[in-house]
Amino acid sequence: MQAWDYLTIKFDGEPLEIGGANVWDLKWQPTGEEPIVVPHPQYPNQRHKLRPYYIEVAGEKHSFAAGELSNCVWCFYVPV
């Protein structure tokens, strides 16, 4: 099982670069891995399922996990 680190919380469409590209500008490809369960960064008693994805930037795959915590509020984790 892969380990994950918290990256950030962003509003839907708010710029976020992974691998040098804005994730909202690219198609998120599902990795086929099971969702990860992580604590909410600000409310650690809450748990959320995030799905692993990857994006391709200049021919390289960059993995991350993302999920909508509440309406238009997204949480992002990256592999360690």
C-alpha atoms as a PDB file:
ATOM      1  CA  MET A   1       0.000   0.000   0.000  1.00  0.00           C
ATOM      2  CA  GLN A   2       1.329   3.422  -0.969  1.00  0.00           C
ATOM      3  CA  ALA A   3       1.816   6.197   1.610  1.00  0.00           C
ATOM      4  CA  TRP A   4       0.285   9.621   0.983  1.00  0.00           C
ATOM      5  CA  ASP A   5       0.995  13.160   2.224  1.00  0.00           C
ATOM      6  CA  TYR A   6      -1.472  16.001   2.484  1.00  0.00           C
ATOM      7  CA  LEU A   7      -0.918  18.640  -0.203  1.00  0.00           C
ATOM      8  CA  THR A   8      -3.703  21.226   0.016  1.00  0.00           C
ATOM      9  CA  ILE A   9      -7.382  22.119   0.028  1.00  0.00           C
ATOM     10  CA  LYS A  10      -8.617  24.163  -2.930  1.00  0.00           C
ATOM     11  CA  PHE A  11     -11.912  25.512  -4.187  1.00  0.00           C
ATOM     12  CA  ASP A  12     -13.125  24.040  -7.471  1.00  0.00           C
ATOM     13  CA  GLY A  13     -11.017  25.546 -10.261  1.00  0.00           C
ATOM     14  CA  GLU A  14      -8.613  27.405  -7.940  1.00  0.00           C
ATOM     15  CA  PRO A  15      -5.135  27.014  -9.486  1.00  0.00           C
ATOM     16  CA  LEU A  16      -3.085  24.066  -8.262  1.00  0.00           C
ATOM     17  CA  GLU A  17       0.096  22.903  -9.952  1.00  0.00           C
ATOM     18  CA  ILE A  18       1.236  19.313  -9.878  1.00  0.00           C
ATOM     19  CA  GLY A  19       4.137  18.399 -12.120  1.00  0.00           C
ATOM     20  CA  GLY A  20       4.294  21.986 -13.358  1.00  0.00           C
ATOM     21  CA  ALA A  21       0.741  22.097 -14.736  1.00  0.00           C
ATOM     22  CA  ASN A  22      -2.590  23.275 -13.385  1.00  0.00           C
ATOM     23  CA  VAL A  23      -4.547  20.105 -12.530  1.00  0.00           C
ATOM     24  CA  TRP A  24      -7.851  21.694 -13.571  1.00  0.00           C
ATOM     25  CA  ASP A  25      -6.566  22.161 -17.138  1.00  0.00           C
ATOM     26  CA  LEU A  26      -5.827  18.470 -17.663  1.00  0.00           C
ATOM     27  CA  LYS A  27      -7.823  15.267 -17.798  1.00  0.00           C
ATOM     28  CA  TRP A  28      -7.531  13.273 -14.587  1.00  0.00           C
ATOM     29  CA  GLN A  29      -6.912   9.617 -15.361  1.00  0.00           C
ATOM     30  CA  PRO A  30      -7.994   7.081 -12.713  1.00  0.00           C
ATOM     31  CA  THR A  31      -5.118   4.848 -11.633  1.00  0.00           C
ATOM     32  CA  GLY A  32      -7.356   1.864 -10.927  1.00  0.00           C
ATOM     33  CA  GLU A  33      -6.187   1.804  -7.304  1.00  0.00           C
ATOM     34  CA  GLU A  34      -8.646   1.655  -4.426  1.00  0.00           C
ATOM     35  CA  PRO A  35      -9.631   4.993  -2.862  1.00  0.00           C
ATOM     36  CA  ILE A  36      -7.582   6.103   0.112  1.00  0.00           C
ATOM     37  CA  VAL A  37      -9.159   7.151   3.398  1.00  0.00           C
ATOM     38  CA  VAL A  38      -7.617  10.244   4.952  1.00  0.00           C
ATOM     39  CA  PRO A  39      -8.403  12.605   7.809  1.00  0.00           C
ATOM     40  CA  HIS A  40      -9.777  16.042   7.003  1.00  0.00           C
ATOM     41  CA  PRO A  41      -6.776  18.371   7.445  1.00  0.00           C
ATOM     42  CA  GLN A  42      -8.718  20.840   9.603  1.00  0.00           C
ATOM     43  CA  TYR A  43     -11.093  18.383  11.298  1.00  0.00           C
ATOM     44  CA  PRO A  44      -9.032  15.225  11.961  1.00  0.00           C
ATOM     45  CA  ASN A  45     -11.998  13.280  13.355  1.00  0.00           C
ATOM     46  CA  GLN A  46     -13.628  13.374   9.918  1.00  0.00           C
ATOM     47  CA  ARG A  47     -12.512  10.785   7.368  1.00  0.00           C
ATOM     48  CA  HIS A  48     -12.842  11.128   3.599  1.00  0.00           C
ATOM     49  CA  LYS A  49     -12.300   8.829   0.627  1.00  0.00           C
ATOM     50  CA  LEU A  50     -10.073  10.249  -2.078  1.00  0.00           C
ATOM     51  CA  ARG A  51      -9.599   8.603  -5.435  1.00  0.00           C
ATOM     52  CA  PRO A  52      -6.101   8.192  -6.903  1.00  0.00           C
ATOM     53  CA  TYR A  53      -5.537   9.825 -10.290  1.00  0.00           C
ATOM     54  CA  TYR A  54      -2.661  10.794 -12.513  1.00  0.00           C
ATOM     55  CA  ILE A  55      -2.093  13.535 -15.038  1.00  0.00           C
ATOM     56  CA  GLU A  56       0.422  13.544 -17.867  1.00  0.00           C
ATOM     57  CA  VAL A  57       2.716  16.549 -18.205  1.00  0.00           C
ATOM     58  CA  ALA A  58       5.367  16.538 -20.933  1.00  0.00           C
ATOM     59  CA  GLY A  59       5.089  12.750 -21.202  1.00  0.00           C
ATOM     60  CA  GLU A  60       5.501  12.143 -17.455  1.00  0.00           C
ATOM     61  CA  LYS A  61       2.801  10.775 -15.157  1.00  0.00           C
ATOM     62  CA  HIS A  62       2.178  12.639 -11.900  1.00  0.00           C
ATOM     63  CA  SER A  63       0.006  10.899  -9.313  1.00  0.00           C
ATOM     64  CA  PHE A  64      -2.282  12.456  -6.731  1.00  0.00           C
ATOM     65  CA  ALA A  65      -5.425  11.603  -4.818  1.00  0.00           C
ATOM     66  CA  ALA A  66      -8.368  13.987  -4.758  1.00  0.00           C
ATOM     67  CA  GLY A  67     -11.873  14.200  -3.424  1.00  0.00           C
ATOM     68  CA  GLU A  68     -14.584  16.755  -2.843  1.00  0.00           C
ATOM     69  CA  LEU A  69     -14.879  17.369   0.914  1.00  0.00           C
ATOM     70  CA  SER A  70     -17.924  19.595   0.546  1.00  0.00           C
ATOM     71  CA  ASN A  71     -19.586  21.442  -2.299  1.00  0.00           C
ATOM     72  CA  CYS A  72     -16.745  22.676  -4.567  1.00  0.00           C
ATOM     73  CA  VAL A  73     -14.068  22.201  -1.868  1.00  0.00           C
ATOM     74  CA  TRP A  74     -11.394  19.683  -2.870  1.00  0.00           C
ATOM     75  CA  CYS A  75      -8.638  17.985  -0.899  1.00  0.00           C
ATOM     76  CA  PHE A  76      -5.436  16.781  -2.535  1.00  0.00           C
ATOM     77  CA  TYR A  77      -2.820  14.280  -1.356  1.00  0.00           C
ATOM     78  CA  VAL A  78       0.348  13.202  -3.139  1.00  0.00           C
ATOM     79  CA  PRO A  79       2.304   9.954  -2.864  1.00  0.00           C
ATOM     80  CA  VAL A  80       5.323   9.911  -0.580  1.00  0.00           C
END
